[in-house]
N, C-alpha and C. Protein backbone atom coordinates (compact mmCIF):
# COMPACT_ATOMS: atom_id res chain seq x y z
N MET A 1 0.92 -1.05 0.13
CA MET A 1 -0.20 -0.14 0.11
C MET A 1 0.83 1.32 -0.18
N GLU A 2 0.35 2.27 -1.03
CA GLU A 2 1.22 3.38 -0.99
C GLU A 2 1.12 4.52 0.48
N GLU A 3 2.25 5.01 0.68
CA GLU A 3 2.08 5.78 1.97
C GLU A 3 1.83 7.23 1.68
N THR A 4 0.86 7.50 1.92
CA THR A 4 0.16 8.90 1.79
C THR A 4 0.54 10.10 2.75
N THR A 5 1.50 9.78 4.03
CA THR A 5 1.74 11.02 4.79
C THR A 5 3.10 11.10 4.42
N THR A 6 3.58 12.23 5.04
CA THR A 6 4.73 12.79 4.81
C THR A 6 5.45 12.84 6.48
N LEU A 7 6.86 12.30 6.48
CA LEU A 7 7.51 12.20 7.73
C LEU A 7 8.16 13.35 8.10
N TYR A 8 7.60 14.23 9.05
CA TYR A 8 8.28 15.45 9.58
C TYR A 8 9.11 15.30 10.91
N ARG A 9 10.21 16.45 11.15
CA ARG A 9 11.09 16.32 12.34
C ARG A 9 10.84 17.26 12.94
N PHE A 10 10.32 17.51 13.82
CA PHE A 10 10.11 19.15 14.59
C PHE A 10 11.35 19.16 15.69
N HIS A 11 11.39 20.42 15.49
CA HIS A 11 12.42 21.10 16.72
C HIS A 11 11.93 21.75 17.30
N TRP A 12 12.15 21.84 18.68
CA TRP A 12 11.35 22.58 19.60
C TRP A 12 12.77 23.42 20.23
N PRO A 13 12.13 24.55 20.92
CA PRO A 13 13.07 25.58 21.83
C PRO A 13 13.79 24.58 22.87
N GLY A 14 14.91 24.92 23.08
CA GLY A 14 15.44 23.84 24.14
C GLY A 14 16.22 22.72 23.79
N GLY A 15 16.05 22.30 22.15
CA GLY A 15 16.99 21.20 21.57
C GLY A 15 15.86 19.82 21.50
N ALA A 16 14.91 19.80 21.94
CA ALA A 16 13.86 18.51 21.69
C ALA A 16 13.33 18.24 20.27
N THR A 17 13.58 17.33 19.94
CA THR A 17 13.01 16.84 18.64
C THR A 17 12.15 15.87 18.86
N ASN A 18 10.97 15.77 17.82
CA ASN A 18 10.20 14.54 17.83
C ASN A 18 10.14 14.48 16.05
N GLU A 19 9.88 12.82 15.81
CA GLU A 19 9.27 12.78 14.18
C GLU A 19 7.88 12.26 14.59
N GLY A 20 7.07 12.66 13.19
CA GLY A 20 5.92 12.14 13.23
C GLY A 20 5.64 12.31 11.66
N ARG A 21 4.65 11.77 11.18
CA ARG A 21 3.94 11.31 9.89
C ARG A 21 2.42 12.03 9.74
N GLY A 22 2.08 12.98 8.98
CA GLY A 22 0.89 13.28 8.42
C GLY A 22 0.39 13.65 7.48
N GLN A 23 -0.56 14.05 7.14
CA GLN A 23 -1.24 14.64 5.92
C GLN A 23 -0.39 16.20 5.70
N ASN A 24 0.04 16.84 6.69
CA ASN A 24 0.22 18.10 6.94
C ASN A 24 1.17 18.12 8.08
N VAL A 25 1.76 19.53 8.60
CA VAL A 25 2.51 19.55 10.05
C VAL A 25 1.38 19.55 10.90
N ALA A 26 0.11 20.13 10.94
CA ALA A 26 -0.68 20.12 11.65
C ALA A 26 -0.95 18.79 12.15
N ASP A 27 -1.32 18.00 11.18
CA ASP A 27 -1.77 16.42 11.29
C ASP A 27 -0.97 15.63 12.01
N ALA A 28 0.32 15.99 11.57
CA ALA A 28 1.60 14.98 12.40
C ALA A 28 1.75 15.53 13.84
N LEU A 29 1.36 17.06 14.09
CA LEU A 29 1.82 17.12 15.56
C LEU A 29 0.56 16.55 16.26
N GLU A 30 -0.71 16.71 15.74
CA GLU A 30 -1.98 15.95 16.36
C GLU A 30 -1.85 14.52 16.57
N LYS A 31 -1.33 14.12 15.67
CA LYS A 31 -0.80 12.41 15.73
C LYS A 31 0.21 11.95 17.14
N LEU A 32 1.18 13.21 17.27
CA LEU A 32 1.97 13.13 18.73
C LEU A 32 1.26 13.45 19.69
N GLY A 33 0.16 13.91 19.71
CA GLY A 33 -0.60 14.30 20.73
C GLY A 33 -0.56 15.50 21.35
N PHE A 34 0.16 16.57 20.34
CA PHE A 34 0.09 17.96 20.38
C PHE A 34 -1.29 18.57 19.75
N GLY A 35 -1.61 19.92 20.17
CA GLY A 35 -2.26 20.26 19.39
C GLY A 35 -2.18 21.25 18.07
N ALA A 36 -2.96 21.23 17.13
CA ALA A 36 -2.12 21.79 15.75
C ALA A 36 -1.22 23.04 15.87
N ALA A 37 -1.84 23.95 16.85
CA ALA A 37 -1.34 25.36 17.34
C ALA A 37 0.04 25.17 17.88
N ALA A 38 0.38 23.98 17.99
CA ALA A 38 1.94 23.65 18.35
C ALA A 38 3.05 24.30 17.24
N ALA A 39 2.51 24.01 16.31
CA ALA A 39 3.44 24.56 15.20
C ALA A 39 3.85 25.98 15.55
N ALA A 40 3.11 27.08 16.00
CA ALA A 40 3.73 28.09 16.35
C ALA A 40 5.05 28.18 17.02
N ALA A 41 4.95 27.24 18.15
CA ALA A 41 6.20 27.04 19.36
C ALA A 41 7.45 26.28 18.89
N LEU A 42 7.20 25.84 17.74
CA LEU A 42 8.88 24.92 17.22
C LEU A 42 9.29 26.03 16.68
N ASP A 43 10.82 25.73 17.00
CA ASP A 43 11.87 26.49 16.36
C ASP A 43 11.94 26.28 14.76
N TYR A 44 11.75 25.07 14.19
CA TYR A 44 11.52 24.76 12.90
C TYR A 44 11.37 23.25 12.85
N PHE A 45 10.88 23.21 11.60
CA PHE A 45 10.53 21.79 11.10
C PHE A 45 11.23 21.43 9.87
N GLU A 46 11.73 20.05 9.54
CA GLU A 46 11.96 19.51 8.54
C GLU A 46 10.98 18.38 7.64
N VAL A 47 11.28 18.53 6.67
CA VAL A 47 10.55 17.46 5.91
C VAL A 47 11.48 16.23 5.68
N VAL A 48 11.19 15.10 6.49
CA VAL A 48 12.18 13.80 6.18
C VAL A 48 12.08 13.11 4.97
N GLU A 49 10.61 13.04 4.76
CA GLU A 49 10.38 11.84 3.89
C GLU A 49 9.05 12.52 3.42
N GLU A 50 9.18 12.64 1.90
CA GLU A 50 7.79 13.01 1.53
C GLU A 50 7.00 12.00 0.67
N SER A 51 5.77 11.85 0.79
CA SER A 51 4.85 10.91 0.43
C SER A 51 5.17 10.78 -1.28
N HIS A 52 4.65 9.65 -1.82
CA HIS A 52 5.19 9.33 -3.09
C HIS A 52 4.27 10.43 -4.03
N ALA A 53 3.06 10.86 -3.46
CA ALA A 53 2.11 11.84 -4.45
C ALA A 53 3.07 13.26 -4.25
N ASP A 54 3.57 13.54 -2.97
CA ASP A 54 4.45 14.74 -3.00
C ASP A 54 5.39 14.90 -3.97
N ARG A 55 6.19 13.64 -3.77
CA ARG A 55 7.52 13.80 -4.54
C ARG A 55 7.35 13.81 -6.13
N GLU A 56 6.38 13.19 -6.64
CA GLU A 56 5.99 13.21 -7.76
C GLU A 56 5.34 14.79 -8.29
N ARG A 57 4.56 15.35 -7.68
CA ARG A 57 4.18 16.60 -7.70
C ARG A 57 5.34 17.74 -8.03
N HIS A 58 6.25 17.24 -7.15
CA HIS A 58 7.21 18.10 -6.75
C HIS A 58 8.27 17.99 -8.25
N GLU A 59 8.43 16.72 -8.75
CA GLU A 59 9.31 16.65 -9.74
C GLU A 59 8.65 17.23 -11.06
N GLN A 60 7.31 16.94 -11.30
CA GLN A 60 6.74 17.64 -12.19
C GLN A 60 6.54 19.16 -12.27
N ILE A 61 7.07 19.85 -11.03
CA ILE A 61 6.88 21.21 -11.04
C ILE A 61 8.42 21.36 -11.42
N LYS A 62 9.38 20.89 -11.10
CA LYS A 62 10.66 21.10 -11.61
C LYS A 62 10.81 20.70 -12.93
N ARG A 63 10.19 19.95 -13.79
CA ARG A 63 10.62 19.58 -15.02
C ARG A 63 9.85 20.32 -15.86
N ALA A 64 8.69 21.25 -15.22
CA ALA A 64 8.04 22.39 -15.94
C ALA A 64 8.89 23.61 -16.28
N TYR A 65 9.84 23.93 -15.32
CA TYR A 65 10.54 24.95 -15.39
C TYR A 65 12.19 24.61 -15.73
N GLN A 66 12.15 23.55 -16.66
CA GLN A 66 13.46 23.35 -17.21
C GLN A 66 13.46 23.87 -18.67
């Protein structure tokens, strides 16, 4: 079965990190037990692994601009 979620790495003030999967950042945070508004408290987040659909869409955009 194709993975439809994206893996994110969340970096919090003080150096703590969490990783979680979701349709978007808010969804991934909620699945980790945080409220969607917790995104405002993050130092930053990284996209660790895109879903196949996101990866394909980004490749299409890149090809369109070549």
